[in-house]
Amino acid sequence: MPIEDLARSDVVTAPPDTSIESLAATMDEESVGSVVVTRDDVPAGIVTDRDLTVRVLAAARDPTDLTARDVMTEDLCTVQRGDGFYEAATTMAENGVRRLPVCEGESLEGIITADDLTELLADEQQHLADLVRAQRPEY
């Protein structure tokens, strides 16, 4: 199944000069755990709720002086829209990430998360369980 069928197209984005306070407020308002930092619709990095915790709070840095550029992960892992479930899961596992921006070339098209992949697997397991239940003898 191609990632474009699974990914969310309503990815939350912000420019690199967005304040940390604004990023945190956006995550809260949008109920998301990350914001993709973009330059002209091209992903330049990602800021996660964990980044805010580790790179700001745990490091005792003053958030009023920081922007997305200061705390974002720049070595961004992405997948292409036509990539499959397996490629996305492998990329996440090999790189230790839970969120992958989905691109068409370099342009940001959406985002897929480990939670999205887990939900898909759970749905598929439920269908398989329904099949098993339908075919087993009554006890």
N, C-alpha and C. Protein backbone atom coordinates (compact mmCIF):
# COMPACT_ATOMS: atom_id res chain seq x y z
N MET A 1 0.85 -1.18 0.00
CA MET A 1 0.00 0.00 0.00
C MET A 1 0.89 1.24 0.00
N PRO A 2 0.68 2.14 -0.96
CA PRO A 2 1.52 3.34 -1.01
C PRO A 2 1.24 4.28 0.17
N ILE A 3 2.29 4.94 0.60
CA ILE A 3 2.19 5.88 1.72
C ILE A 3 1.19 6.99 1.43
N GLU A 4 1.06 7.39 0.17
CA GLU A 4 0.13 8.47 -0.15
C GLU A 4 -1.30 8.12 0.26
N ASP A 5 -1.63 6.81 0.36
CA ASP A 5 -2.95 6.38 0.79
C ASP A 5 -3.10 6.42 2.31
N LEU A 6 -1.98 6.47 3.03
CA LEU A 6 -1.99 6.42 4.50
C LEU A 6 -1.67 7.76 5.15
N ALA A 7 -0.89 8.58 4.46
CA ALA A 7 -0.37 9.81 5.05
C ALA A 7 -1.46 10.86 5.25
N ARG A 8 -1.23 11.69 6.22
CA ARG A 8 -2.12 12.83 6.46
C ARG A 8 -1.63 13.99 5.60
N SER A 9 -2.53 14.62 4.90
CA SER A 9 -2.13 15.74 4.05
C SER A 9 -2.16 17.07 4.80
N ASP A 10 -2.76 17.08 5.97
CA ASP A 10 -2.89 18.32 6.75
C ASP A 10 -1.73 18.49 7.73
N VAL A 11 -0.52 18.31 7.23
CA VAL A 11 0.68 18.43 8.06
C VAL A 11 0.82 19.86 8.57
N VAL A 12 1.21 19.99 9.84
CA VAL A 12 1.39 21.30 10.47
C VAL A 12 2.82 21.77 10.19
N THR A 13 2.94 22.97 9.65
CA THR A 13 4.25 23.50 9.26
C THR A 13 4.49 24.88 9.89
N ALA A 14 5.75 25.27 9.87
CA ALA A 14 6.15 26.61 10.34
C ALA A 14 7.47 26.97 9.69
N PRO A 15 7.73 28.26 9.52
CA PRO A 15 9.04 28.68 9.01
C PRO A 15 10.12 28.58 10.10
N PRO A 16 11.39 28.57 9.72
CA PRO A 16 12.48 28.40 10.68
C PRO A 16 12.56 29.48 11.76
N ASP A 17 12.04 30.67 11.50
CA ASP A 17 12.14 31.75 12.49
C ASP A 17 10.97 31.78 13.48
N THR A 18 10.14 30.74 13.48
CA THR A 18 9.01 30.67 14.41
C THR A 18 9.52 30.48 15.83
N SER A 19 8.96 31.23 16.76
CA SER A 19 9.40 31.12 18.16
C SER A 19 9.02 29.77 18.75
N ILE A 20 9.78 29.35 19.73
CA ILE A 20 9.52 28.09 20.42
C ILE A 20 8.15 28.15 21.10
N GLU A 21 7.82 29.27 21.70
CA GLU A 21 6.52 29.41 22.35
C GLU A 21 5.38 29.22 21.35
N SER A 22 5.55 29.76 20.15
CA SER A 22 4.54 29.61 19.11
C SER A 22 4.44 28.16 18.64
N LEU A 23 5.57 27.49 18.51
CA LEU A 23 5.56 26.07 18.13
C LEU A 23 4.80 25.24 19.14
N ALA A 24 5.10 25.46 20.42
CA ALA A 24 4.44 24.71 21.49
C ALA A 24 2.93 24.98 21.48
N ALA A 25 2.55 26.23 21.30
CA ALA A 25 1.13 26.58 21.27
C ALA A 25 0.44 25.93 20.06
N THR A 26 1.12 25.91 18.93
CA THR A 26 0.56 25.29 17.72
C THR A 26 0.37 23.79 17.93
N MET A 27 1.36 23.13 18.52
CA MET A 27 1.23 21.70 18.80
C MET A 27 0.03 21.43 19.70
N ASP A 28 -0.15 22.28 20.69
CA ASP A 28 -1.29 22.13 21.60
C ASP A 28 -2.61 22.36 20.86
N GLU A 29 -2.70 23.44 20.12
CA GLU A 29 -3.94 23.78 19.40
C GLU A 29 -4.31 22.74 18.35
N GLU A 30 -3.31 22.20 17.66
CA GLU A 30 -3.55 21.25 16.57
C GLU A 30 -3.54 19.79 17.04
N SER A 31 -3.22 19.57 18.32
CA SER A 31 -3.14 18.22 18.90
C SER A 31 -2.17 17.33 18.11
N VAL A 32 -0.99 17.87 17.86
CA VAL A 32 0.06 17.12 17.16
C VAL A 32 1.33 17.11 18.01
N GLY A 33 2.20 16.17 17.70
CA GLY A 33 3.45 16.05 18.44
C GLY A 33 4.65 16.59 17.68
N SER A 34 4.40 17.18 16.51
CA SER A 34 5.51 17.73 15.74
C SER A 34 5.04 18.81 14.78
N VAL A 35 6.00 19.63 14.39
CA VAL A 35 5.79 20.65 13.37
C VAL A 35 6.93 20.51 12.38
N VAL A 36 6.59 20.40 11.11
CA VAL A 36 7.62 20.33 10.07
C VAL A 36 8.02 21.76 9.73
N VAL A 37 9.31 22.02 9.80
CA VAL A 37 9.85 23.34 9.48
C VAL A 37 10.13 23.37 7.98
N THR A 38 9.55 24.36 7.31
CA THR A 38 9.66 24.42 5.85
C THR A 38 10.23 25.74 5.37
N ARG A 39 10.84 25.65 4.20
CA ARG A 39 11.26 26.83 3.43
C ARG A 39 10.65 26.66 2.04
N ASP A 40 9.70 27.48 1.69
CA ASP A 40 9.02 27.39 0.37
C ASP A 40 8.47 25.99 0.10
N ASP A 41 7.72 25.46 1.04
CA ASP A 41 7.09 24.13 0.93
C ASP A 41 8.07 22.97 0.84
N VAL A 42 9.33 23.22 1.13
CA VAL A 42 10.35 22.17 1.17
C VAL A 42 10.72 21.95 2.63
N PRO A 43 10.61 20.70 3.13
CA PRO A 43 10.95 20.45 4.53
C PRO A 43 12.43 20.71 4.80
N ALA A 44 12.69 21.52 5.82
CA ALA A 44 14.06 21.84 6.21
C ALA A 44 14.43 21.20 7.53
N GLY A 45 13.41 20.77 8.28
CA GLY A 45 13.65 20.16 9.58
C GLY A 45 12.33 19.81 10.23
N ILE A 46 12.43 19.30 11.45
CA ILE A 46 11.23 18.97 12.22
C ILE A 46 11.50 19.27 13.69
N VAL A 47 10.49 19.78 14.36
CA VAL A 47 10.54 20.01 15.80
C VAL A 47 9.46 19.14 16.42
N THR A 48 9.85 18.30 17.36
CA THR A 48 8.90 17.43 18.04
C THR A 48 8.71 17.88 19.47
N ASP A 49 7.66 17.34 20.10
CA ASP A 49 7.44 17.66 21.51
C ASP A 49 8.64 17.20 22.34
N ARG A 50 9.26 16.11 21.94
CA ARG A 50 10.46 15.64 22.64
C ARG A 50 11.61 16.63 22.47
N ASP A 51 11.77 17.20 21.29
CA ASP A 51 12.81 18.22 21.07
C ASP A 51 12.63 19.38 22.03
N LEU A 52 11.39 19.82 22.20
CA LEU A 52 11.13 20.93 23.12
C LEU A 52 11.50 20.55 24.54
N THR A 53 11.20 19.32 24.92
CA THR A 53 11.51 18.87 26.27
C THR A 53 13.01 18.74 26.50
N VAL A 54 13.69 18.05 25.59
CA VAL A 54 15.11 17.75 25.77
C VAL A 54 16.00 18.94 25.44
N ARG A 55 15.73 19.60 24.32
CA ARG A 55 16.63 20.66 23.85
C ARG A 55 16.35 22.02 24.44
N VAL A 56 15.20 22.17 25.09
CA VAL A 56 14.88 23.46 25.71
C VAL A 56 14.77 23.30 27.23
N LEU A 57 13.76 22.55 27.68
CA LEU A 57 13.52 22.44 29.12
C LEU A 57 14.66 21.73 29.86
N ALA A 58 15.04 20.54 29.42
CA ALA A 58 16.09 19.79 30.11
C ALA A 58 17.44 20.49 30.02
N ALA A 59 17.65 21.23 28.95
CA ALA A 59 18.91 21.97 28.78
C ALA A 59 18.87 23.33 29.48
N ALA A 60 17.74 23.64 30.14
CA ALA A 60 17.56 24.89 30.88
C ALA A 60 17.83 26.12 30.00
N ARG A 61 17.36 26.05 28.74
CA ARG A 61 17.49 27.18 27.83
C ARG A 61 16.25 28.05 27.92
N ASP A 62 16.43 29.33 27.73
CA ASP A 62 15.33 30.28 27.78
C ASP A 62 14.54 30.21 26.47
N PRO A 63 13.30 29.71 26.50
CA PRO A 63 12.54 29.55 25.26
C PRO A 63 12.21 30.87 24.57
N THR A 64 12.23 31.96 25.30
CA THR A 64 11.89 33.25 24.67
C THR A 64 12.96 33.69 23.68
N ASP A 65 14.16 33.12 23.79
CA ASP A 65 15.25 33.51 22.89
C ASP A 65 15.46 32.51 21.75
N LEU A 66 14.63 31.47 21.65
CA LEU A 66 14.86 30.40 20.69
C LEU A 66 13.81 30.37 19.59
N THR A 67 14.24 29.88 18.44
CA THR A 67 13.33 29.68 17.31
C THR A 67 13.41 28.22 16.87
N ALA A 68 12.55 27.87 15.94
CA ALA A 68 12.56 26.50 15.39
C ALA A 68 13.94 26.14 14.88
N ARG A 69 14.59 27.06 14.23
CA ARG A 69 15.93 26.84 13.68
C ARG A 69 16.91 26.37 14.75
N ASP A 70 16.75 26.85 15.98
CA ASP A 70 17.67 26.52 17.08
C ASP A 70 17.51 25.10 17.62
N VAL A 71 16.34 24.52 17.47
CA VAL A 71 16.09 23.21 18.10
C VAL A 71 15.65 22.12 17.13
N MET A 72 15.44 22.47 15.86
CA MET A 72 14.92 21.48 14.92
C MET A 72 15.98 20.44 14.56
N THR A 73 15.50 19.26 14.20
CA THR A 73 16.36 18.23 13.65
C THR A 73 16.46 18.54 12.16
N GLU A 74 17.68 18.79 11.71
CA GLU A 74 17.88 19.19 10.31
C GLU A 74 18.12 18.00 9.39
N ASP A 75 18.71 16.94 9.91
CA ASP A 75 18.99 15.75 9.10
C ASP A 75 17.69 14.96 8.99
N LEU A 76 16.79 15.48 8.18
CA LEU A 76 15.42 14.99 8.12
C LEU A 76 15.30 13.73 7.28
N CYS A 77 14.63 12.74 7.84
CA CYS A 77 14.28 11.52 7.09
C CYS A 77 12.91 11.76 6.48
N THR A 78 12.78 11.45 5.21
CA THR A 78 11.50 11.61 4.51
C THR A 78 11.21 10.36 3.68
N VAL A 79 9.98 10.24 3.23
CA VAL A 79 9.60 9.21 2.27
C VAL A 79 8.89 9.89 1.12
N GLN A 80 8.88 9.22 -0.01
CA GLN A 80 8.18 9.72 -1.18
C GLN A 80 6.76 9.18 -1.19
N ARG A 81 5.84 9.89 -1.81
CA ARG A 81 4.42 9.49 -1.83
C ARG A 81 4.21 8.08 -2.33
N GLY A 82 4.98 7.65 -3.30
CA GLY A 82 4.81 6.32 -3.88
C GLY A 82 5.48 5.20 -3.11
N ASP A 83 6.26 5.53 -2.08
CA ASP A 83 6.89 4.49 -1.26
C ASP A 83 5.82 3.69 -0.55
N GLY A 84 6.16 2.48 -0.18
CA GLY A 84 5.21 1.61 0.49
C GLY A 84 5.34 1.60 2.00
N PHE A 85 4.42 0.89 2.61
CA PHE A 85 4.38 0.72 4.06
C PHE A 85 5.72 0.22 4.59
N TYR A 86 6.26 -0.81 3.92
CA TYR A 86 7.50 -1.42 4.38
C TYR A 86 8.65 -0.42 4.34
N GLU A 87 8.76 0.37 3.28
CA GLU A 87 9.83 1.38 3.19
C GLU A 87 9.72 2.39 4.32
N ALA A 88 8.50 2.83 4.62
CA ALA A 88 8.31 3.80 5.70
C ALA A 88 8.69 3.19 7.05
N ALA A 89 8.23 1.97 7.31
CA ALA A 89 8.54 1.32 8.58
C ALA A 89 10.03 1.07 8.71
N THR A 90 10.67 0.66 7.64
CA THR A 90 12.12 0.42 7.65
C THR A 90 12.88 1.72 7.90
N THR A 91 12.48 2.79 7.23
CA THR A 91 13.13 4.09 7.42
C THR A 91 13.01 4.54 8.87
N MET A 92 11.82 4.39 9.45
CA MET A 92 11.63 4.76 10.86
C MET A 92 12.53 3.94 11.76
N ALA A 93 12.56 2.62 11.56
CA ALA A 93 13.35 1.74 12.41
C ALA A 93 14.85 2.01 12.28
N GLU A 94 15.32 2.15 11.07
CA GLU A 94 16.76 2.36 10.84
C GLU A 94 17.26 3.70 11.36
N ASN A 95 16.37 4.68 11.42
CA ASN A 95 16.78 6.02 11.83
C ASN A 95 16.27 6.42 13.21
N GLY A 96 15.50 5.55 13.85
CA GLY A 96 15.00 5.85 15.20
C GLY A 96 14.07 7.05 15.23
N VAL A 97 13.20 7.17 14.22
CA VAL A 97 12.25 8.28 14.18
C VAL A 97 10.83 7.75 14.15
N ARG A 98 9.90 8.56 14.62
CA ARG A 98 8.49 8.17 14.67
C ARG A 98 7.62 8.94 13.69
N ARG A 99 8.22 9.92 13.02
CA ARG A 99 7.46 10.76 12.09
C ARG A 99 8.26 10.96 10.81
N LEU A 100 7.59 10.80 9.68
CA LEU A 100 8.25 10.99 8.39
C LEU A 100 7.44 11.94 7.53
N PRO A 101 8.02 13.08 7.17
CA PRO A 101 7.37 13.91 6.17
C PRO A 101 7.28 13.14 4.85
N VAL A 102 6.19 13.31 4.15
CA VAL A 102 5.96 12.64 2.88
C VAL A 102 6.12 13.70 1.79
N CYS A 103 6.96 13.39 0.81
CA CYS A 103 7.28 14.37 -0.23
C CYS A 103 6.94 13.85 -1.62
N GLU A 104 6.76 14.79 -2.51
CA GLU A 104 6.70 14.53 -3.95
C GLU A 104 7.88 15.28 -4.51
N GLY A 105 8.96 14.56 -4.82
CA GLY A 105 10.22 15.23 -5.12
C GLY A 105 10.73 15.85 -3.84
N GLU A 106 10.91 17.16 -3.84
CA GLU A 106 11.32 17.87 -2.62
C GLU A 106 10.16 18.55 -1.91
N SER A 107 9.02 18.62 -2.55
CA SER A 107 7.86 19.34 -2.02
C SER A 107 7.13 18.52 -0.97
N LEU A 108 6.80 19.14 0.16
CA LEU A 108 6.08 18.49 1.25
C LEU A 108 4.64 18.24 0.86
N GLU A 109 4.19 16.99 1.03
CA GLU A 109 2.83 16.60 0.68
C GLU A 109 2.02 16.12 1.88
N GLY A 110 2.70 15.70 2.96
CA GLY A 110 1.99 15.16 4.11
C GLY A 110 2.95 14.64 5.15
N ILE A 111 2.41 13.82 6.05
CA ILE A 111 3.23 13.22 7.11
C ILE A 111 2.64 11.87 7.47
N ILE A 112 3.51 10.93 7.81
CA ILE A 112 3.09 9.61 8.29
C ILE A 112 3.82 9.36 9.61
N THR A 113 3.11 8.81 10.57
CA THR A 113 3.70 8.58 11.89
C THR A 113 3.69 7.11 12.24
N ALA A 114 4.49 6.75 13.23
CA ALA A 114 4.49 5.37 13.72
C ALA A 114 3.11 5.00 14.23
N ASP A 115 2.40 5.95 14.82
CA ASP A 115 1.04 5.68 15.28
C ASP A 115 0.12 5.34 14.11
N ASP A 116 0.28 6.03 12.98
CA ASP A 116 -0.53 5.73 11.79
C ASP A 116 -0.27 4.31 11.31
N LEU A 117 1.01 3.91 11.27
CA LEU A 117 1.36 2.56 10.82
C LEU A 117 0.84 1.51 11.79
N THR A 118 0.93 1.79 13.09
CA THR A 118 0.43 0.86 14.10
C THR A 118 -1.08 0.70 13.98
N GLU A 119 -1.78 1.79 13.75
CA GLU A 119 -3.24 1.73 13.58
C GLU A 119 -3.62 0.89 12.37
N LEU A 120 -2.88 1.05 11.28
CA LEU A 120 -3.15 0.25 10.08
C LEU A 120 -2.94 -1.24 10.38
N LEU A 121 -1.85 -1.57 11.06
CA LEU A 121 -1.59 -2.97 11.41
C LEU A 121 -2.69 -3.52 12.31
N ALA A 122 -3.14 -2.74 13.27
CA ALA A 122 -4.21 -3.18 14.16
C ALA A 122 -5.50 -3.44 13.38
N ASP A 123 -5.81 -2.57 12.43
CA ASP A 123 -7.01 -2.77 11.60
C ASP A 123 -6.89 -4.06 10.80
N GLU A 124 -5.71 -4.29 10.22
CA GLU A 124 -5.50 -5.51 9.42
C GLU A 124 -5.59 -6.76 10.30
N GLN A 125 -5.05 -6.69 11.51
CA GLN A 125 -5.15 -7.83 12.43
C GLN A 125 -6.60 -8.09 12.83
N GLN A 126 -7.38 -7.04 12.97
CA GLN A 126 -8.79 -7.21 13.31
C GLN A 126 -9.53 -7.92 12.18
N HIS A 127 -9.23 -7.55 10.94
CA HIS A 127 -9.85 -8.23 9.79
C HIS A 127 -9.48 -9.71 9.77
N LEU A 128 -8.21 -10.01 10.06
CA LEU A 128 -7.77 -11.40 10.10
C LEU A 128 -8.46 -12.15 11.24
N ALA A 129 -8.59 -11.52 12.40
CA ALA A 129 -9.28 -12.15 13.53
C ALA A 129 -10.74 -12.42 13.19
N ASP A 130 -11.38 -11.51 12.49
CA ASP A 130 -12.77 -11.72 12.06
C ASP A 130 -12.88 -12.93 11.13
N LEU A 131 -11.92 -13.07 10.25
CA LEU A 131 -11.90 -14.22 9.34
C LEU A 131 -11.73 -15.52 10.11
N VAL A 132 -10.81 -15.53 11.06
CA VAL A 132 -10.59 -16.73 11.88
C VAL A 132 -11.85 -17.08 12.65
N ARG A 133 -12.48 -16.09 13.26
CA ARG A 133 -13.71 -16.33 14.03
C ARG A 133 -14.82 -16.90 13.14
N ALA A 134 -14.92 -16.40 11.92
CA ALA A 134 -15.97 -16.84 11.02
C ALA A 134 -15.76 -18.29 10.56
N GLN A 135 -14.53 -18.76 10.57
CA GLN A 135 -14.25 -20.08 10.03
C GLN A 135 -14.01 -21.14 11.11
N ARG A 136 -13.92 -20.77 12.34
CA ARG A 136 -13.65 -21.79 13.36
C ARG A 136 -14.97 -22.45 13.82
N PRO A 137 -14.85 -23.67 14.27
CA PRO A 137 -16.06 -24.35 14.74
C PRO A 137 -16.52 -23.78 16.07
N GLU A 138 -17.81 -23.89 16.32
CA GLU A 138 -18.35 -23.45 17.60
C GLU A 138 -17.95 -24.44 18.69
N TYR A 139 -17.70 -23.95 19.85
CA TYR A 139 -17.32 -24.81 20.99
C TYR A 139 -18.44 -24.89 21.96
